[in-house]
C-alpha atoms as a PDB file:
ATOM      1  CA  MET A   1       0.000   0.000   0.000  1.00  0.00           C
ATOM      2  CA  ASN A   2       1.420   3.362  -1.032  1.00  0.00           C
ATOM      3  CA  PHE A   3       0.498   5.923   1.638  1.00  0.00           C
ATOM      4  CA  THR A   4       1.315   8.892  -0.584  1.00  0.00           C
ATOM      5  CA  ASP A   5      -1.613   7.927  -2.826  1.00  0.00           C
ATOM      6  CA  ASP A   6      -4.087   7.808   0.064  1.00  0.00           C
ATOM      7  CA  PRO A   7      -6.273  10.955  -0.123  1.00  0.00           C
ATOM      8  CA  LEU A   8      -7.054  10.944   3.617  1.00  0.00           C
ATOM      9  CA  LEU A   9      -3.394  10.710   4.568  1.00  0.00           C
ATOM     10  CA  SER A  10      -2.470  13.399   2.030  1.00  0.00           C
ATOM     11  CA  GLN A  11      -5.123  15.746   3.437  1.00  0.00           C
ATOM     12  CA  VAL A  12      -4.037  15.106   7.017  1.00  0.00           C
ATOM     13  CA  SER A  13      -0.405  15.656   6.074  1.00  0.00           C
ATOM     14  CA  LEU A  14      -1.297  18.974   4.459  1.00  0.00           C
ATOM     15  CA  ASN A  15      -3.272  20.025   7.549  1.00  0.00           C
ATOM     16  CA  LEU A  16      -0.404  19.078   9.855  1.00  0.00           C
ATOM     17  CA  LYS A  17       2.093  21.053   7.782  1.00  0.00           C
ATOM     18  CA  ASP A  18      -0.042  24.158   7.256  1.00  0.00           C
ATOM     19  CA  SER A  19      -3.235  24.560   9.259  1.00  0.00           C
ATOM     20  CA  TRP A  20      -2.127  23.016  12.545  1.00  0.00           C
ATOM     21  CA  ILE A  21       1.087  25.017  12.760  1.00  0.00           C
ATOM     22  CA  THR A  22      -0.565  28.273  11.644  1.00  0.00           C
ATOM     23  CA  THR A  23      -3.428  27.879  14.114  1.00  0.00           C
ATOM     24  CA  LEU A  24      -1.108  26.958  16.960  1.00  0.00           C
ATOM     25  CA  ARG A  25       1.232  29.865  16.182  1.00  0.00           C
ATOM     26  CA  ALA A  26      -1.696  32.321  16.174  1.00  0.00           C
ATOM     27  CA  ALA A  27      -3.045  30.924  19.456  1.00  0.00           C
ATOM     28  CA  ILE A  28       0.331  31.208  21.198  1.00  0.00           C
ATOM     29  CA  ARG A  29       0.940  34.722  19.898  1.00  0.00           C
ATOM     30  CA  THR A  30      -2.553  35.868  20.861  1.00  0.00           C
ATOM     31  CA  SER A  31      -2.260  34.395  24.337  1.00  0.00           C
ATOM     32  CA  LEU A  32       1.217  35.753  25.063  1.00  0.00           C
ATOM     33  CA  ARG A  33       1.273  39.050  23.114  1.00  0.00           C
ATOM     34  CA  ASP A  34       0.549  41.220  26.162  1.00  0.00           C
ATOM     35  CA  VAL A  35       2.999  39.516  28.516  1.00  0.00           C
ATOM     36  CA  GLY A  36       5.875  41.843  27.651  1.00  0.00           C
ATOM     37  CA  LYS A  37       9.280  41.439  29.247  1.00  0.00           C
ATOM     38  CA  GLY A  38       9.764  38.406  31.412  1.00  0.00           C
ATOM     39  CA  TRP A  39       9.875  34.641  31.167  1.00  0.00           C
ATOM     40  CA  PHE A  40       7.292  34.374  28.338  1.00  0.00           C
ATOM     41  CA  ASN A  41       8.417  37.304  26.182  1.00  0.00           C
ATOM     42  CA  ILE A  42       7.605  36.350  22.571  1.00  0.00           C
ATOM     43  CA  HIS A  43       9.583  39.362  21.319  1.00  0.00           C
ATOM     44  CA  GLU A  44      12.890  38.328  22.922  1.00  0.00           C
ATOM     45  CA  THR A  45      15.850  39.021  20.625  1.00  0.00           C
ATOM     46  CA  ASN A  46      18.742  37.975  22.880  1.00  0.00           C
ATOM     47  CA  TRP A  47      19.531  34.291  22.226  1.00  0.00           C
ATOM     48  CA  GLU A  48      21.184  33.726  25.613  1.00  0.00           C
ATOM     49  CA  VAL A  49      18.184  35.129  27.460  1.00  0.00           C
ATOM     50  CA  TYR A  50      15.820  32.993  25.352  1.00  0.00           C
ATOM     51  CA  GLN A  51      17.881  29.870  26.105  1.00  0.00           C
ATOM     52  CA  MET A  52      17.289  30.401  29.848  1.00  0.00           C
ATOM     53  CA  SER A  53      13.651  31.487  29.574  1.00  0.00           C
ATOM     54  CA  LYS A  54      10.497  29.558  30.327  1.00  0.00           C
ATOM     55  CA  MET A  55       9.412  30.416  26.787  1.00  0.00           C
ATOM     56  CA  LYS A  56      12.012  28.025  25.375  1.00  0.00           C
ATOM     57  CA  LYS A  57      10.818  25.243  27.677  1.00  0.00           C
ATOM     58  CA  PHE A  58       7.222  25.990  26.719  1.00  0.00           C
ATOM     59  CA  MET A  59       8.037  25.838  22.995  1.00  0.00           C
ATOM     60  CA  GLU A  60       9.897  22.549  23.472  1.00  0.00           C
ATOM     61  CA  MET A  61       6.848  21.159  25.265  1.00  0.00           C
ATOM     62  CA  VAL A  62       4.585  22.325  22.405  1.00  0.00           C
ATOM     63  CA  LYS A  63       6.904  20.690  19.860  1.00  0.00           C
ATOM     64  CA  PHE A  64       6.966  17.450  21.864  1.00  0.00           C
ATOM     65  CA  ASN A  65       3.168  17.399  22.188  1.00  0.00           C
ATOM     66  CA  MET A  66       2.802  17.946  18.436  1.00  0.00           C
ATOM     67  CA  GLN A  67       5.171  15.047  17.751  1.00  0.00           C
ATOM     68  CA  VAL A  68       3.285  12.768  20.147  1.00  0.00           C
ATOM     69  CA  GLY A  69      -0.051  13.792  18.631  1.00  0.00           C
ATOM     70  CA  SER A  70       1.234  13.007  15.148  1.00  0.00           C
ATOM     71  CA  ILE A  71       2.561   9.633  16.247  1.00  0.00           C
ATOM     72  CA  TYR A  72      -0.734   8.661  17.908  1.00  0.00           C
ATOM     73  CA  PHE A  73      -2.691   9.741  14.842  1.00  0.00           C
ATOM     74  CA  PHE A  74      -0.581   7.694  12.441  1.00  0.00           C
ATOM     75  CA  LEU A  75      -0.573   4.676  14.740  1.00  0.00           C
ATOM     76  CA  SER A  76      -4.367   4.783  14.968  1.00  0.00           C
ATOM     77  CA  TYR A  77      -4.507   5.214  11.192  1.00  0.00           C
ATOM     78  CA  LEU A  78      -2.293   2.171  10.604  1.00  0.00           C
ATOM     79  CA  HIS A  79      -3.827  -0.063  13.288  1.00  0.00           C
ATOM     80  CA  PRO A  80      -6.655  -1.517  11.137  1.00  0.00           C
ATOM     81  CA  SER A  81      -4.155  -2.466   8.415  1.00  0.00           C
ATOM     82  CA  VAL A  82      -1.885  -4.136  10.958  1.00  0.00           C
ATOM     83  CA  ILE A  83      -4.802  -6.157  12.358  1.00  0.00           C
ATOM     84  CA  LEU A  84      -5.771  -7.221   8.848  1.00  0.00           C
ATOM     85  CA  TYR A  85      -2.229  -8.376   8.068  1.00  0.00           C
ATOM     86  CA  GLU A  86      -1.899 -10.153  11.426  1.00  0.00           C
ATOM     87  CA  ASN A  87      -5.143 -12.045  10.882  1.00  0.00           C
ATOM     88  CA  THR A  88      -4.154 -12.986   7.328  1.00  0.00           C
ATOM     89  CA  CYS A  89      -0.678 -14.118   8.337  1.00  0.00           C
ATOM     90  CA  THR A  90      -1.963 -16.177  11.257  1.00  0.00           C
ATOM     91  CA  CYS A  91      -4.157 -18.171   8.903  1.00  0.00           C
ATOM     92  CA  ILE A  92      -1.314 -18.797   6.482  1.00  0.00           C
ATOM     93  CA  VAL A  93       1.307 -19.778   9.094  1.00  0.00           C
ATOM     94  CA  THR A  94      -0.828 -22.270  11.021  1.00  0.00           C
END
């Protein structure tokens, strides 16, 4: 099965690359735009300060959660195919 030809997977991939990131970026900016200077300053320009800030930790957590969400989606997408192959193989091997 070629997953690049699957219209559902192609649409989800497009949404993950474009819509999800754009929506998440807008939500974070909207929520943190009035914070100003401090640990969650989205306008920080000093790299050393950013490296020590809570904003960096927050963004790493967001990235990790997006990766986990993507993994769970694709695993749930592939699960029915795996079950089908397992059932077919069990019949052939025994």
